[in-house]
Every structure is written in C-alpha cells, then in structure tokens.
C-alpha cells in the first residue's frame, strides 16, 4: 500500500467519507465493505491495526477510497487524534458507524469491577466519544451527516452472564435518542441498530445456545453480517433522511415474544 498523502485524493472527493469503528472483522468489516460498495470512501478503524489494514487493502490497495487507522475507542486521546487524521487525509467524515464493542461473559455475583468498567468504557463511553468527535467536526463545517450506533437485542431482552453488556447496549439506545435531539438542529441524524443473534464466528456461542435461540426466531434463521450491513447502509443513506433517534431491530422477530404453543388450547 502506498504512503497516504495528507491531502484528500482528488479522484475520491466526490465520495463522502465514512468512519467505521471495530471494522477489522465481523460486523464492522461487513459494514465497511457495504458502505464502500455504496460509494463511500471508508476509514477502517480497529484496535487491531493489522486487521484494519487487511480490510482497507481489500477495498482499495492504493488507499484512495479506503484507509486503515489504528484506534482503541477506550482512549479519548486516540479518538481525537484519529478523527483529525481522517479529516486531514480523507476529508471530514459524513457518516460514522460506532460498531466497536466487546462481549464478555461473566456472572454478575462475582463480576470484578474491572470487567464492568471495561465493557462500559469500550461499548458506551467509546460510542459517546466518537459521536462527540464526529459532531464537532461536522458542526465546524455547517453540520449535516449521519451516525449509526450498534446496540443489541440484549438491550431489550436480558440474558444470564452479560449484565454489563446488556446495560451498555441499553445505554446506547437512550444515548442515541438524546444525541438525535441535540444534534437535530445541526442536521446530524443519529440512529441505532439492535442485532439479534448474528452468525459471525463459529465460537461465538455454543451449539445448544444457538439452537435454543433459533427456536425463538419467527424468521426461522439466525442473522448474517450482511443483514446488519444493509441496515447501516439504509440508515446513513438519503432514503432515511426523516429517520432520526430510532433503534432499528434486526433480529428476525426474536423480540416479538416467545413462539410457544399450548397444545389443546385454541385461545
């Protein structure tokens, strides 16, 4: 990959810039690929620099419409620095997808405070800081733009072992609504996506958990990364211009309720 210039490439100035956090793999990678295919220049950020570089190179090896940036969203200083670097090298971003997050399992009764703080720092605080950096950059040039935050069905349906994760994602839902209110006058739309069970890694869940979850999805399948990428692409597009402060649930119907049938009971 060639060394990036500090000046946006003239061949890519007609492409709006999108920043995707946690874009080195899984959902973030799929979102970065979809937005690039839809005409965005994409800043691929991840705390694993090698993963981010691989994704960016796969999109544009010359670095004109995709570049990688090492970013750990738990660092406020790193967020400010990376957002400034993206603006200098690619242009002020028009879209931000706050995808970076962690999903550890830990029983609440013996959860160390460090485990709680770690999840809140990455999932909720990171979303806040990236949103703030984006909004400040957009406000400086007159506003406009779109933000998509990754929440989760876990924000609405609790599960044993992820109290910290569920709380962080519920926080993102309400943070999204508050940000939509505050940034509306700036022309910045803020929405969220709440994925259900998405097949991204073979080791993400046990086969038993997957089978039990699948039995409660009316759509009859688990999700794939492309389902979430499509939702993100819609929410940052002009077609969603009047969608603001909304949490789009993409779960195959899991949150509609439990699909239980009582035999011998018609009502």
C-alpha atoms as a PDB file:
ATOM      1  CA  UNK A   1       0.000   0.000   0.000  1.00  0.00           C
ATOM      2  CA  UNK A   2       1.351   3.423  -0.911  1.00  0.00           C
ATOM      3  CA  UNK A   3       2.070   6.015   1.758  1.00  0.00           C
ATOM      4  CA  UNK A   4      -1.062   8.165   2.207  1.00  0.00           C
ATOM      5  CA  UNK A   5      -0.888  11.861   1.455  1.00  0.00           C
ATOM      6  CA  UNK A   6      -2.164  14.381   3.983  1.00  0.00           C
ATOM      7  CA  UNK A   7      -4.360  15.847   1.249  1.00  0.00           C
ATOM      8  CA  UNK A   8      -7.562  14.047   0.161  1.00  0.00           C
ATOM      9  CA  UNK A   9      -7.039  12.393  -3.232  1.00  0.00           C
ATOM     10  CA  UNK A  10      -8.813  14.397  -5.991  1.00  0.00           C
ATOM     11  CA  UNK A  11     -10.152  11.183  -7.507  1.00  0.00           C
ATOM     12  CA  UNK A  12     -12.150  10.450  -4.364  1.00  0.00           C
ATOM     13  CA  UNK A  13     -13.507  13.875  -3.411  1.00  0.00           C
ATOM     14  CA  UNK A  14     -16.906  13.036  -4.862  1.00  0.00           C
ATOM     15  CA  UNK A  15     -17.244  10.126  -2.430  1.00  0.00           C
ATOM     16  CA  UNK A  16     -18.458  11.008   1.078  1.00  0.00           C
ATOM     17  CA  UNK A  17     -16.264   9.680   3.870  1.00  0.00           C
ATOM     18  CA  UNK A  18     -17.484   7.163   6.444  1.00  0.00           C
ATOM     19  CA  UNK A  19     -15.686   6.097   9.609  1.00  0.00           C
ATOM     20  CA  UNK A  20     -16.434   2.572  10.825  1.00  0.00           C
ATOM     21  CA  UNK A  21     -15.050   1.571  14.220  1.00  0.00           C
ATOM     22  CA  UNK A  22     -14.175  -2.012  15.010  1.00  0.00           C
ATOM     23  CA  UNK A  23     -14.102  -2.660  11.263  1.00  0.00           C
ATOM     24  CA  UNK A  24     -11.310  -5.212  11.206  1.00  0.00           C
ATOM     25  CA  UNK A  25     -13.632  -8.207  11.316  1.00  0.00           C
ATOM     26  CA  UNK A  26     -17.173  -9.492  11.688  1.00  0.00           C
ATOM     27  CA  UNK A  27     -19.975  -6.907  11.559  1.00  0.00           C
ATOM     28  CA  UNK A  28     -17.666  -3.931  11.214  1.00  0.00           C
ATOM     29  CA  UNK A  29     -15.898  -5.473   8.237  1.00  0.00           C
ATOM     30  CA  UNK A  30     -19.211  -6.222   6.520  1.00  0.00           C
ATOM     31  CA  UNK A  31     -20.417  -2.666   7.147  1.00  0.00           C
ATOM     32  CA  UNK A  32     -17.190  -1.146   5.796  1.00  0.00           C
ATOM     33  CA  UNK A  33     -17.426  -3.294   2.672  1.00  0.00           C
ATOM     34  CA  UNK A  34     -21.076  -2.392   2.102  1.00  0.00           C
ATOM     35  CA  UNK A  35     -20.557   1.344   2.537  1.00  0.00           C
ATOM     36  CA  UNK A  36     -17.560   1.283   0.218  1.00  0.00           C
ATOM     37  CA  UNK A  37     -19.651  -0.537  -2.364  1.00  0.00           C
ATOM     38  CA  UNK A  38     -22.355   2.090  -1.953  1.00  0.00           C
ATOM     39  CA  UNK A  39     -19.953   4.884  -2.864  1.00  0.00           C
ATOM     40  CA  UNK A  40     -18.325   5.930   0.411  1.00  0.00           C
ATOM     41  CA  UNK A  41     -14.633   6.363   1.000  1.00  0.00           C
ATOM     42  CA  UNK A  42     -14.142   4.361   4.186  1.00  0.00           C
ATOM     43  CA  UNK A  43     -11.844   4.935   7.137  1.00  0.00           C
ATOM     44  CA  UNK A  44     -11.425   1.407   8.507  1.00  0.00           C
ATOM     45  CA  UNK A  45     -10.569   1.643  12.204  1.00  0.00           C
ATOM     46  CA  UNK A  46      -9.800  -1.103  14.678  1.00  0.00           C
ATOM     47  CA  UNK A  47      -7.695  -1.674  17.783  1.00  0.00           C
ATOM     48  CA  UNK A  48      -6.028  -4.482  15.806  1.00  0.00           C
ATOM     49  CA  UNK A  49      -4.082  -2.464  13.246  1.00  0.00           C
ATOM     50  CA  UNK A  50      -3.251  -5.483  11.089  1.00  0.00           C
ATOM     51  CA  UNK A  51      -6.900  -6.442  10.745  1.00  0.00           C
ATOM     52  CA  UNK A  52      -7.869  -2.889   9.782  1.00  0.00           C
ATOM     53  CA  UNK A  53      -5.088  -2.765   7.188  1.00  0.00           C
ATOM     54  CA  UNK A  54      -6.194  -6.047   5.641  1.00  0.00           C
ATOM     55  CA  UNK A  55      -9.766  -4.838   5.241  1.00  0.00           C
ATOM     56  CA  UNK A  56      -8.726  -1.461   3.821  1.00  0.00           C
ATOM     57  CA  UNK A  57      -6.310  -3.071   1.381  1.00  0.00           C
ATOM     58  CA  UNK A  58      -9.052  -5.402   0.245  1.00  0.00           C
ATOM     59  CA  UNK A  59     -11.263  -2.422  -0.544  1.00  0.00           C
ATOM     60  CA  UNK A  60      -8.635  -0.236  -2.230  1.00  0.00           C
ATOM     61  CA  UNK A  61      -4.974  -1.230  -2.180  1.00  0.00           C
ATOM     62  CA  UNK A  62      -3.971   2.229  -3.433  1.00  0.00           C
ATOM     63  CA  UNK A  63      -5.525   3.958  -0.431  1.00  0.00           C
ATOM     64  CA  UNK A  64      -7.619   6.395  -2.439  1.00  0.00           C
ATOM     65  CA  UNK A  65     -11.060   5.322  -1.203  1.00  0.00           C
ATOM     66  CA  UNK A  66     -10.194   3.189   1.830  1.00  0.00           C
ATOM     67  CA  UNK A  67      -7.556   3.658   4.503  1.00  0.00           C
ATOM     68  CA  UNK A  68      -6.848   1.944   7.795  1.00  0.00           C
ATOM     69  CA  UNK A  69      -6.357   3.575  11.179  1.00  0.00           C
ATOM     70  CA  UNK A  70      -5.336   2.035  14.468  1.00  0.00           C
ATOM     71  CA  UNK A  71      -7.982   3.061  17.008  1.00  0.00           C
ATOM     72  CA  UNK A  72      -8.727   1.850  20.507  1.00  0.00           C
ATOM     73  CA  UNK A  73     -12.013   3.559  21.407  1.00  0.00           C
ATOM     74  CA  UNK A  74     -11.233   3.231  25.112  1.00  0.00           C
ATOM     75  CA  UNK A  75      -8.721   6.075  24.622  1.00  0.00           C
ATOM     76  CA  UNK A  76     -10.197   9.569  24.417  1.00  0.00           C
ATOM     77  CA  UNK A  77      -6.885  10.932  23.144  1.00  0.00           C
ATOM     78  CA  UNK A  78      -6.684   8.329  20.377  1.00  0.00           C
ATOM     79  CA  UNK A  79     -10.203   9.143  19.185  1.00  0.00           C
ATOM     80  CA  UNK A  80      -9.441  12.851  18.860  1.00  0.00           C
ATOM     81  CA  UNK A  81      -6.180  12.119  17.042  1.00  0.00           C
ATOM     82  CA  UNK A  82      -7.625   9.582  14.622  1.00  0.00           C
ATOM     83  CA  UNK A  83     -10.674  11.661  13.728  1.00  0.00           C
ATOM     84  CA  UNK A  84      -8.386  14.616  12.996  1.00  0.00           C
ATOM     85  CA  UNK A  85      -6.137  12.390  10.871  1.00  0.00           C
ATOM     86  CA  UNK A  86      -9.089  11.037   8.892  1.00  0.00           C
ATOM     87  CA  UNK A  87     -10.304  14.583   8.212  1.00  0.00           C
ATOM     88  CA  UNK A  88      -6.828  15.628   7.030  1.00  0.00           C
ATOM     89  CA  UNK A  89      -6.184  12.585   4.846  1.00  0.00           C
ATOM     90  CA  UNK A  90      -9.630  11.724   3.520  1.00  0.00           C
ATOM     91  CA  UNK A  91     -11.922  14.644   4.302  1.00  0.00           C
ATOM     92  CA  UNK A  92     -14.385  15.431   7.083  1.00  0.00           C
ATOM     93  CA  UNK A  93     -16.496  12.294   7.547  1.00  0.00           C
ATOM     94  CA  UNK A  94     -20.140  12.446   6.515  1.00  0.00           C
ATOM     95  CA  UNK A  95     -21.066   9.201   8.273  1.00  0.00           C
ATOM     96  CA  UNK A  96     -19.986   7.389  11.406  1.00  0.00           C
ATOM     97  CA  UNK A  97     -20.800   3.809  12.393  1.00  0.00           C
ATOM     98  CA  UNK A  98     -19.997   3.122  16.044  1.00  0.00           C
ATOM     99  CA  UNK A  99     -19.539  -0.621  15.822  1.00  0.00           C
ATOM    100  CA  UNK A 100     -16.595  -1.250  18.174  1.00  0.00           C
ATOM    101  CA  UNK A 101     -17.628  -3.265  21.195  1.00  0.00           C
ATOM    102  CA  UNK A 102     -16.743  -6.194  23.426  1.00  0.00           C
ATOM    103  CA  UNK A 103     -18.978  -9.072  24.548  1.00  0.00           C
ATOM    104  CA  UNK A 104     -17.505 -10.964  27.506  1.00  0.00           C
ATOM    105  CA  UNK A 105     -19.461 -13.387  29.659  1.00  0.00           C
ATOM    106  CA  UNK A 106     -19.278 -13.014  33.439  1.00  0.00           C
ATOM    107  CA  UNK A 107     -21.618 -13.976  36.246  1.00  0.00           C
ATOM    108  CA  UNK A 108     -22.889 -10.856  37.983  1.00  0.00           C
ATOM    109  CA  UNK A 109     -22.410 -12.156  41.516  1.00  0.00           C
ATOM    110  CA  UNK A 110     -18.624 -12.332  41.196  1.00  0.00           C
ATOM    111  CA  UNK A 111     -18.041  -9.842  38.378  1.00  0.00           C
ATOM    112  CA  UNK A 112     -14.934  -7.740  39.083  1.00  0.00           C
ATOM    113  CA  UNK A 113     -15.480  -4.016  38.801  1.00  0.00           C
ATOM    114  CA  UNK A 114     -12.746  -4.014  36.154  1.00  0.00           C
ATOM    115  CA  UNK A 115     -14.894  -6.270  33.951  1.00  0.00           C
ATOM    116  CA  UNK A 116     -17.893  -3.939  34.315  1.00  0.00           C
ATOM    117  CA  UNK A 117     -15.793  -0.846  33.655  1.00  0.00           C
ATOM    118  CA  UNK A 118     -14.094  -2.436  30.652  1.00  0.00           C
ATOM    119  CA  UNK A 119     -17.380  -3.094  28.885  1.00  0.00           C
ATOM    120  CA  UNK A 120     -18.783   0.329  29.701  1.00  0.00           C
ATOM    121  CA  UNK A 121     -15.584   2.045  28.591  1.00  0.00           C
ATOM    122  CA  UNK A 122     -15.474   0.399  25.177  1.00  0.00           C
ATOM    123  CA  UNK A 123     -19.159  -0.011  24.360  1.00  0.00           C
ATOM    124  CA  UNK A 124     -20.789   3.073  25.850  1.00  0.00           C
ATOM    125  CA  UNK A 125     -18.023   5.595  26.539  1.00  0.00           C
ATOM    126  CA  UNK A 126     -16.368   4.831  23.197  1.00  0.00           C
ATOM    127  CA  UNK A 127     -19.654   5.432  21.389  1.00  0.00           C
ATOM    128  CA  UNK A 128     -20.088   8.739  23.225  1.00  0.00           C
ATOM    129  CA  UNK A 129     -16.576   9.977  22.467  1.00  0.00           C
ATOM    130  CA  UNK A 130     -16.654   9.023  18.775  1.00  0.00           C
ATOM    131  CA  UNK A 131     -20.091  10.588  18.392  1.00  0.00           C
ATOM    132  CA  UNK A 132     -18.868  13.777  20.025  1.00  0.00           C
ATOM    133  CA  UNK A 133     -15.769  13.947  17.817  1.00  0.00           C
ATOM    134  CA  UNK A 134     -17.872  13.420  14.689  1.00  0.00           C
ATOM    135  CA  UNK A 135     -20.449  16.043  15.693  1.00  0.00           C
ATOM    136  CA  UNK A 136     -17.761  18.620  16.441  1.00  0.00           C
ATOM    137  CA  UNK A 137     -16.157  18.035  13.046  1.00  0.00           C
ATOM    138  CA  UNK A 138     -19.487  18.347  11.248  1.00  0.00           C
ATOM    139  CA  UNK A 139     -20.534  21.427  13.236  1.00  0.00           C
ATOM    140  CA  UNK A 140     -17.309  23.149  12.192  1.00  0.00           C
ATOM    141  CA  UNK A 141     -18.319  22.904   8.518  1.00  0.00           C
ATOM    142  CA  UNK A 142     -22.009  23.691   8.964  1.00  0.00           C
ATOM    143  CA  UNK A 143     -23.468  20.390  10.151  1.00  0.00           C
ATOM    144  CA  UNK A 144     -25.136  17.507   8.353  1.00  0.00           C
ATOM    145  CA  UNK A 145     -24.220  13.841   8.394  1.00  0.00           C
ATOM    146  CA  UNK A 146     -25.419  10.586   9.902  1.00  0.00           C
ATOM    147  CA  UNK A 147     -24.405   8.434  12.854  1.00  0.00           C
ATOM    148  CA  UNK A 148     -25.316   4.792  13.402  1.00  0.00           C
ATOM    149  CA  UNK A 149     -24.685   3.199  16.791  1.00  0.00           C
ATOM    150  CA  UNK A 150     -24.596  -0.566  17.308  1.00  0.00           C
ATOM    151  CA  UNK A 151     -26.927  -1.523  20.137  1.00  0.00           C
ATOM    152  CA  UNK A 152     -28.239  -5.084  20.558  1.00  0.00           C
ATOM    153  CA  UNK A 153     -31.359  -7.114  21.148  1.00  0.00           C
ATOM    154  CA  UNK A 154     -29.716  -7.624  24.551  1.00  0.00           C
ATOM    155  CA  UNK A 155     -30.718  -4.040  25.324  1.00  0.00           C
ATOM    156  CA  UNK A 156     -34.326  -5.249  25.461  1.00  0.00           C
ATOM    157  CA  UNK A 157     -34.033  -8.928  26.394  1.00  0.00           C
ATOM    158  CA  UNK A 158     -31.745  -9.886  29.269  1.00  0.00           C
ATOM    159  CA  UNK A 159     -29.549 -12.970  29.377  1.00  0.00           C
ATOM    160  CA  UNK A 160     -27.620 -14.530  32.248  1.00  0.00           C
ATOM    161  CA  UNK A 161     -23.916 -13.714  32.172  1.00  0.00           C
ATOM    162  CA  UNK A 162     -23.935 -10.423  30.264  1.00  0.00           C
ATOM    163  CA  UNK A 163     -25.409  -7.865  32.657  1.00  0.00           C
ATOM    164  CA  UNK A 164     -22.628  -5.410  31.830  1.00  0.00           C
ATOM    165  CA  UNK A 165     -23.050  -5.894  28.071  1.00  0.00           C
ATOM    166  CA  UNK A 166     -26.847  -5.585  28.192  1.00  0.00           C
ATOM    167  CA  UNK A 167     -26.611  -2.444  30.328  1.00  0.00           C
ATOM    168  CA  UNK A 168     -24.100  -0.885  27.941  1.00  0.00           C
ATOM    169  CA  UNK A 169     -26.302  -1.587  24.924  1.00  0.00           C
ATOM    170  CA  UNK A 170     -29.434  -0.278  26.671  1.00  0.00           C
ATOM    171  CA  UNK A 171     -27.408   2.850  27.395  1.00  0.00           C
ATOM    172  CA  UNK A 172     -26.584   3.173  23.711  1.00  0.00           C
ATOM    173  CA  UNK A 173     -30.294   3.113  22.829  1.00  0.00           C
ATOM    174  CA  UNK A 174     -31.062   6.066  25.089  1.00  0.00           C
ATOM    175  CA  UNK A 175     -27.828   7.838  24.193  1.00  0.00           C
ATOM    176  CA  UNK A 176     -28.904   7.608  20.546  1.00  0.00           C
ATOM    177  CA  UNK A 177     -32.225   9.277  21.311  1.00  0.00           C
ATOM    178  CA  UNK A 178     -30.570  12.068  23.301  1.00  0.00           C
ATOM    179  CA  UNK A 179     -27.960  12.661  20.603  1.00  0.00           C
ATOM    180  CA  UNK A 180     -30.691  12.795  17.956  1.00  0.00           C
ATOM    181  CA  UNK A 181     -32.434  15.521  19.923  1.00  0.00           C
ATOM    182  CA  UNK A 182     -29.313  17.585  20.490  1.00  0.00           C
ATOM    183  CA  UNK A 183     -27.828  17.220  17.020  1.00  0.00           C
ATOM    184  CA  UNK A 184     -31.066  17.558  15.068  1.00  0.00           C
ATOM    185  CA  UNK A 185     -30.677  21.336  14.731  1.00  0.00           C
ATOM    186  CA  UNK A 186     -27.232  20.678  13.211  1.00  0.00           C
ATOM    187  CA  UNK A 187     -28.724  18.409  10.578  1.00  0.00           C
ATOM    188  CA  UNK A 188     -26.977  15.365  12.052  1.00  0.00           C
ATOM    189  CA  UNK A 189     -29.158  12.254  12.218  1.00  0.00           C
ATOM    190  CA  UNK A 190     -28.426   9.661  14.911  1.00  0.00           C
ATOM    191  CA  UNK A 191     -29.897   6.167  14.848  1.00  0.00           C
ATOM    192  CA  UNK A 192     -29.075   2.733  16.215  1.00  0.00           C
ATOM    193  CA  UNK A 193     -29.257  -0.889  15.123  1.00  0.00           C
ATOM    194  CA  UNK A 194     -30.123  -3.700  17.527  1.00  0.00           C
ATOM    195  CA  UNK A 195     -28.931  -7.005  16.044  1.00  0.00           C
ATOM    196  CA  UNK A 196     -30.227 -10.313  17.259  1.00  0.00           C
ATOM    197  CA  UNK A 197     -28.129 -13.468  17.013  1.00  0.00           C
ATOM    198  CA  UNK A 198     -25.746 -12.981  14.084  1.00  0.00           C
ATOM    199  CA  UNK A 199     -23.527 -15.732  12.711  1.00  0.00           C
ATOM    200  CA  UNK A 200     -20.093 -14.135  12.587  1.00  0.00           C
ATOM    201  CA  UNK A 201     -17.800 -16.661  14.289  1.00  0.00           C
ATOM    202  CA  UNK A 202     -18.130 -20.385  14.900  1.00  0.00           C
ATOM    203  CA  UNK A 203     -17.014 -19.962  18.510  1.00  0.00           C
ATOM    204  CA  UNK A 204     -19.356 -17.078  19.345  1.00  0.00           C
ATOM    205  CA  UNK A 205     -21.981 -19.242  21.043  1.00  0.00           C
ATOM    206  CA  UNK A 206     -22.417 -22.885  21.923  1.00  0.00           C
ATOM    207  CA  UNK A 207     -24.477 -25.091  19.594  1.00  0.00           C
ATOM    208  CA  UNK A 208     -27.064 -25.513  22.373  1.00  0.00           C
ATOM    209  CA  UNK A 209     -27.458 -21.772  22.820  1.00  0.00           C
ATOM    210  CA  UNK A 210     -27.739 -21.259  19.065  1.00  0.00           C
ATOM    211  CA  UNK A 211     -30.412 -23.961  18.737  1.00  0.00           C
ATOM    212  CA  UNK A 212     -32.446 -22.567  21.642  1.00  0.00           C
ATOM    213  CA  UNK A 213     -32.195 -19.031  20.266  1.00  0.00           C
ATOM    214  CA  UNK A 214     -33.101 -20.198  16.762  1.00  0.00           C
ATOM    215  CA  UNK A 215     -36.287 -21.816  18.075  1.00  0.00           C
ATOM    216  CA  UNK A 216     -37.430 -18.353  19.212  1.00  0.00           C
ATOM    217  CA  UNK A 217     -36.841 -16.568  15.875  1.00  0.00           C
ATOM    218  CA  UNK A 218     -40.038 -16.447  13.778  1.00  0.00           C
ATOM    219  CA  UNK A 219     -37.987 -15.822  10.628  1.00  0.00           C
ATOM    220  CA  UNK A 220     -36.552 -19.297  11.045  1.00  0.00           C
ATOM    221  CA  UNK A 221     -32.858 -18.458  10.745  1.00  0.00           C
ATOM    222  CA  UNK A 222     -30.097 -16.642  12.520  1.00  0.00           C
ATOM    223  CA  UNK A 223     -28.786 -13.425  11.049  1.00  0.00           C
ATOM    224  CA  UNK A 224     -25.684 -12.858   8.958  1.00  0.00           C
ATOM    225  CA  UNK A 225     -23.352  -9.889   8.878  1.00  0.00           C
ATOM    226  CA  UNK A 226     -24.863  -8.677   5.603  1.00  0.00           C
ATOM    227  CA  UNK A 227     -28.211  -8.162   7.372  1.00  0.00           C
ATOM    228  CA  UNK A 228     -26.627  -5.599   9.686  1.00  0.00           C
ATOM    229  CA  UNK A 229     -24.578  -4.020   6.902  1.00  0.00           C
ATOM    230  CA  UNK A 230     -27.783  -3.474   4.910  1.00  0.00           C
ATOM    231  CA  UNK A 231     -29.431  -1.786   7.888  1.00  0.00           C
ATOM    232  CA  UNK A 232     -26.437   0.505   8.376  1.00  0.00           C
ATOM    233  CA  UNK A 233     -26.354   1.356   4.673  1.00  0.00           C
ATOM    234  CA  UNK A 234     -30.011   2.364   4.810  1.00  0.00           C
ATOM    235  CA  UNK A 235     -29.650   4.494   7.929  1.00  0.00           C
ATOM    236  CA  UNK A 236     -26.781   6.550   6.516  1.00  0.00           C
ATOM    237  CA  UNK A 237     -28.462   6.943   3.114  1.00  0.00           C
ATOM    238  CA  UNK A 238     -30.681   9.800   1.870  1.00  0.00           C
ATOM    239  CA  UNK A 239     -33.613   7.340   1.925  1.00  0.00           C
ATOM    240  CA  UNK A 240     -33.508   7.551   5.743  1.00  0.00           C
ATOM    241  CA  UNK A 241     -33.484  11.351   5.814  1.00  0.00           C
ATOM    242  CA  UNK A 242     -36.538  11.511   8.107  1.00  0.00           C
ATOM    243  CA  UNK A 243     -35.428   8.647  10.351  1.00  0.00           C
ATOM    244  CA  UNK A 244     -33.856  10.063  13.499  1.00  0.00           C
ATOM    245  CA  UNK A 245     -33.478   8.793  17.059  1.00  0.00           C
ATOM    246  CA  UNK A 246     -34.706   5.344  16.038  1.00  0.00           C
ATOM    247  CA  UNK A 247     -33.389   1.925  17.055  1.00  0.00           C
ATOM    248  CA  UNK A 248     -33.842  -0.471  14.142  1.00  0.00           C
ATOM    249  CA  UNK A 249     -34.170  -4.010  15.474  1.00  0.00           C
ATOM    250  CA  UNK A 250     -32.720  -6.607  13.090  1.00  0.00           C
ATOM    251  CA  UNK A 251     -33.403  -9.915  14.809  1.00  0.00           C
ATOM    252  CA  UNK A 252     -35.742 -11.977  12.631  1.00  0.00           C
ATOM    253  CA  UNK A 253     -38.592 -11.304  15.046  1.00  0.00           C
ATOM    254  CA  UNK A 254     -36.923 -12.563  18.239  1.00  0.00           C
ATOM    255  CA  UNK A 255     -38.141  -9.607  20.292  1.00  0.00           C
ATOM    256  CA  UNK A 256     -41.765 -10.078  19.224  1.00  0.00           C
ATOM    257  CA  UNK A 257     -42.130 -12.591  22.043  1.00  0.00           C
ATOM    258  CA  UNK A 258     -41.731 -16.291  22.635  1.00  0.00           C
ATOM    259  CA  UNK A 259     -43.236 -18.535  19.982  1.00  0.00           C
ATOM    260  CA  UNK A 260     -44.793 -21.034  22.390  1.00  0.00           C
ATOM    261  CA  UNK A 261     -47.858 -23.084  21.502  1.00  0.00           C
ATOM    262  CA  UNK A 262     -50.031 -24.731  24.155  1.00  0.00           C
ATOM    263  CA  UNK A 263     -51.457 -27.961  22.846  1.00  0.00           C
ATOM    264  CA  UNK A 264     -55.213 -28.309  23.089  1.00  0.00           C
ATOM    265  CA  UNK A 265     -55.726 -24.582  23.621  1.00  0.00           C
ATOM    266  CA  UNK A 266     -57.241 -22.569  20.773  1.00  0.00           C
ATOM    267  CA  UNK A 267     -57.135 -19.306  22.668  1.00  0.00           C
END
